[in-house]
Amino acid sequence: MATRKICGATTRTGERCIGRPMKNGRCRMHGGKSPGAPRGNKNAWKHGKYSAWAKAVRDLAAREGAN
């Protein structure tokens, strides 16, 4: 018999979950549908001192690279 993929997480009763994974490889009961929050802090680039400085550095590097 071919082995099928199962979740294998420990359930509340202490047994192993035999649920099949979804397309994303996670069990619908123990892994969730979402892979989680996006990585990184994309809001930091919308405002603030650092984003203005980083933009100035990129613009300067682009101008120097064009010469």
N, C-alpha and C. Protein backbone atom coordinates (compact mmCIF):
# COMPACT_ATOMS: atom_id res chain seq x y z
N MET A 1 0.83 -1.17 0.00
CA MET A 1 0.00 0.00 0.00
C MET A 1 0.88 1.25 0.00
N ALA A 2 0.57 2.17 -0.87
CA ALA A 2 1.36 3.40 -0.96
C ALA A 2 1.06 4.28 0.25
N THR A 3 2.11 4.90 0.79
CA THR A 3 1.90 5.77 1.94
C THR A 3 1.34 7.10 1.47
N ARG A 4 0.33 7.57 2.16
CA ARG A 4 -0.24 8.86 1.81
C ARG A 4 0.20 9.88 2.85
N LYS A 5 0.25 11.13 2.47
CA LYS A 5 0.66 12.16 3.40
C LYS A 5 -0.47 12.44 4.38
N ILE A 6 -0.12 12.59 5.63
CA ILE A 6 -1.09 12.94 6.65
C ILE A 6 -0.51 14.07 7.49
N CYS A 7 -1.38 14.72 8.25
CA CYS A 7 -0.97 15.86 9.08
C CYS A 7 0.00 15.40 10.17
N GLY A 8 -0.45 14.49 11.02
CA GLY A 8 0.42 13.96 12.07
C GLY A 8 0.49 14.80 13.32
N ALA A 9 -0.24 15.93 13.38
CA ALA A 9 -0.23 16.76 14.58
C ALA A 9 -0.92 16.03 15.72
N THR A 10 -0.56 16.37 16.95
CA THR A 10 -1.19 15.76 18.10
C THR A 10 -2.53 16.46 18.34
N THR A 11 -3.60 15.70 18.44
CA THR A 11 -4.93 16.25 18.66
C THR A 11 -5.18 16.43 20.15
N ARG A 12 -6.35 16.95 20.49
CA ARG A 12 -6.71 17.15 21.90
C ARG A 12 -6.76 15.85 22.67
N THR A 13 -7.10 14.78 21.98
CA THR A 13 -7.18 13.48 22.66
C THR A 13 -5.82 12.83 22.79
N GLY A 14 -4.79 13.42 22.22
CA GLY A 14 -3.45 12.87 22.31
C GLY A 14 -3.08 11.95 21.16
N GLU A 15 -4.02 11.71 20.25
CA GLU A 15 -3.75 10.85 19.09
C GLU A 15 -3.20 11.69 17.94
N ARG A 16 -2.73 11.00 16.93
CA ARG A 16 -2.20 11.68 15.75
C ARG A 16 -3.33 12.04 14.79
N CYS A 17 -3.27 13.23 14.20
CA CYS A 17 -4.28 13.65 13.22
C CYS A 17 -4.02 12.88 11.92
N ILE A 18 -5.08 12.34 11.33
CA ILE A 18 -4.93 11.59 10.08
C ILE A 18 -5.48 12.38 8.89
N GLY A 19 -5.69 13.69 9.10
CA GLY A 19 -6.21 14.53 8.03
C GLY A 19 -5.22 14.68 6.89
N ARG A 20 -5.75 14.75 5.68
CA ARG A 20 -4.89 14.96 4.52
C ARG A 20 -4.57 16.44 4.37
N PRO A 21 -3.41 16.77 3.86
CA PRO A 21 -3.07 18.18 3.67
C PRO A 21 -3.79 18.78 2.47
N MET A 22 -3.96 20.11 2.51
CA MET A 22 -4.54 20.83 1.37
C MET A 22 -3.45 21.06 0.34
N LYS A 23 -3.77 21.81 -0.71
CA LYS A 23 -2.79 22.06 -1.77
C LYS A 23 -1.54 22.75 -1.26
N ASN A 24 -1.68 23.60 -0.23
CA ASN A 24 -0.52 24.30 0.31
C ASN A 24 0.30 23.44 1.26
N GLY A 25 -0.10 22.17 1.45
CA GLY A 25 0.66 21.25 2.28
C GLY A 25 0.30 21.29 3.74
N ARG A 26 -0.70 22.08 4.11
CA ARG A 26 -1.08 22.20 5.51
C ARG A 26 -2.42 21.51 5.77
N CYS A 27 -2.58 21.01 6.96
CA CYS A 27 -3.84 20.41 7.39
C CYS A 27 -4.84 21.54 7.62
N ARG A 28 -6.08 21.36 7.22
CA ARG A 28 -7.06 22.43 7.40
C ARG A 28 -7.39 22.67 8.86
N MET A 29 -7.18 21.67 9.70
CA MET A 29 -7.49 21.83 11.12
C MET A 29 -6.30 22.34 11.93
N HIS A 30 -5.09 21.96 11.55
CA HIS A 30 -3.93 22.29 12.37
C HIS A 30 -2.93 23.23 11.71
N GLY A 31 -3.03 23.44 10.41
CA GLY A 31 -2.07 24.30 9.75
C GLY A 31 -2.64 25.62 9.29
N GLY A 32 -3.95 25.69 9.13
CA GLY A 32 -4.58 26.92 8.69
C GLY A 32 -4.49 27.10 7.19
N LYS A 33 -5.37 27.94 6.65
CA LYS A 33 -5.38 28.20 5.22
C LYS A 33 -4.31 29.19 4.81
N SER A 34 -3.99 30.11 5.71
CA SER A 34 -3.07 31.19 5.38
C SER A 34 -1.65 30.83 5.76
N PRO A 35 -0.66 31.24 4.97
CA PRO A 35 0.73 31.00 5.34
C PRO A 35 1.22 31.97 6.41
N GLY A 36 0.41 32.94 6.79
CA GLY A 36 0.79 33.88 7.84
C GLY A 36 0.90 35.30 7.32
N ALA A 37 1.35 36.15 8.17
CA ALA A 37 1.48 37.56 7.82
C ALA A 37 2.63 37.75 6.82
N PRO A 38 2.57 38.79 6.00
CA PRO A 38 3.67 39.05 5.07
C PRO A 38 4.95 39.38 5.83
N ARG A 39 6.05 39.01 5.27
CA ARG A 39 7.34 39.26 5.92
C ARG A 39 7.81 40.67 5.66
N GLY A 40 8.55 41.19 6.59
CA GLY A 40 9.11 42.52 6.44
C GLY A 40 8.14 43.60 6.89
N ASN A 41 8.64 44.80 7.01
CA ASN A 41 7.82 45.93 7.41
C ASN A 41 7.71 46.87 6.23
N LYS A 42 6.71 46.67 5.41
CA LYS A 42 6.53 47.48 4.21
C LYS A 42 6.02 48.87 4.55
N ASN A 43 5.41 49.04 5.73
CA ASN A 43 4.91 50.35 6.12
C ASN A 43 6.04 51.33 6.42
N ALA A 44 7.22 50.84 6.72
CA ALA A 44 8.34 51.73 7.06
C ALA A 44 8.76 52.57 5.87
N TRP A 45 8.47 52.16 4.67
CA TRP A 45 8.89 52.91 3.49
C TRP A 45 7.89 53.99 3.10
N LYS A 46 6.75 54.07 3.76
CA LYS A 46 5.74 55.03 3.38
C LYS A 46 5.98 56.40 4.00
N HIS A 47 6.67 56.46 5.11
CA HIS A 47 6.89 57.72 5.79
C HIS A 47 8.11 57.60 6.67
N GLY A 48 8.61 58.70 7.12
CA GLY A 48 9.68 58.68 8.09
C GLY A 48 11.03 59.09 7.55
N LYS A 49 11.90 59.34 8.48
CA LYS A 49 13.24 59.85 8.18
C LYS A 49 14.07 58.83 7.38
N TYR A 50 14.01 57.57 7.78
CA TYR A 50 14.83 56.57 7.11
C TYR A 50 14.45 56.40 5.65
N SER A 51 13.16 56.38 5.35
CA SER A 51 12.74 56.16 3.97
C SER A 51 13.18 57.32 3.08
N ALA A 52 13.14 58.55 3.61
CA ALA A 52 13.59 59.71 2.83
C ALA A 52 15.10 59.60 2.57
N TRP A 53 15.85 59.18 3.60
CA TRP A 53 17.29 59.05 3.44
C TRP A 53 17.63 57.94 2.44
N ALA A 54 16.94 56.81 2.55
CA ALA A 54 17.21 55.69 1.66
C ALA A 54 16.86 56.04 0.22
N LYS A 55 15.79 56.79 0.02
CA LYS A 55 15.44 57.21 -1.33
C LYS A 55 16.50 58.14 -1.91
N ALA A 56 17.02 59.04 -1.09
CA ALA A 56 18.07 59.95 -1.55
C ALA A 56 19.34 59.17 -1.93
N VAL A 57 19.67 58.16 -1.13
CA VAL A 57 20.86 57.35 -1.43
C VAL A 57 20.67 56.58 -2.74
N ARG A 58 19.48 56.02 -2.96
CA ARG A 58 19.20 55.30 -4.20
C ARG A 58 19.27 56.22 -5.41
N ASP A 59 18.70 57.42 -5.27
CA ASP A 59 18.73 58.38 -6.38
C ASP A 59 20.16 58.79 -6.71
N LEU A 60 20.97 59.01 -5.67
CA LEU A 60 22.37 59.39 -5.88
C LEU A 60 23.13 58.25 -6.57
N ALA A 61 22.91 57.02 -6.11
CA ALA A 61 23.59 55.88 -6.71
C ALA A 61 23.16 55.69 -8.16
N ALA A 62 21.90 55.95 -8.45
CA ALA A 62 21.42 55.82 -9.83
C ALA A 62 22.06 56.87 -10.73
N ARG A 63 22.22 58.10 -10.21
CA ARG A 63 22.86 59.15 -11.01
C ARG A 63 24.33 58.86 -11.24
N GLU A 64 25.03 58.34 -10.22
CA GLU A 64 26.44 58.02 -10.37
C GLU A 64 26.64 56.83 -11.31
N GLY A 65 25.71 55.90 -11.29
CA GLY A 65 25.80 54.73 -12.15
C GLY A 65 25.54 55.07 -13.62
N ALA A 66 24.80 56.14 -13.86
CA ALA A 66 24.51 56.54 -15.24
C ALA A 66 25.70 57.22 -15.91
N ASN A 67 26.60 57.76 -15.10
CA ASN A 67 27.77 58.47 -15.67
C ASN A 67 28.83 57.54 -16.14
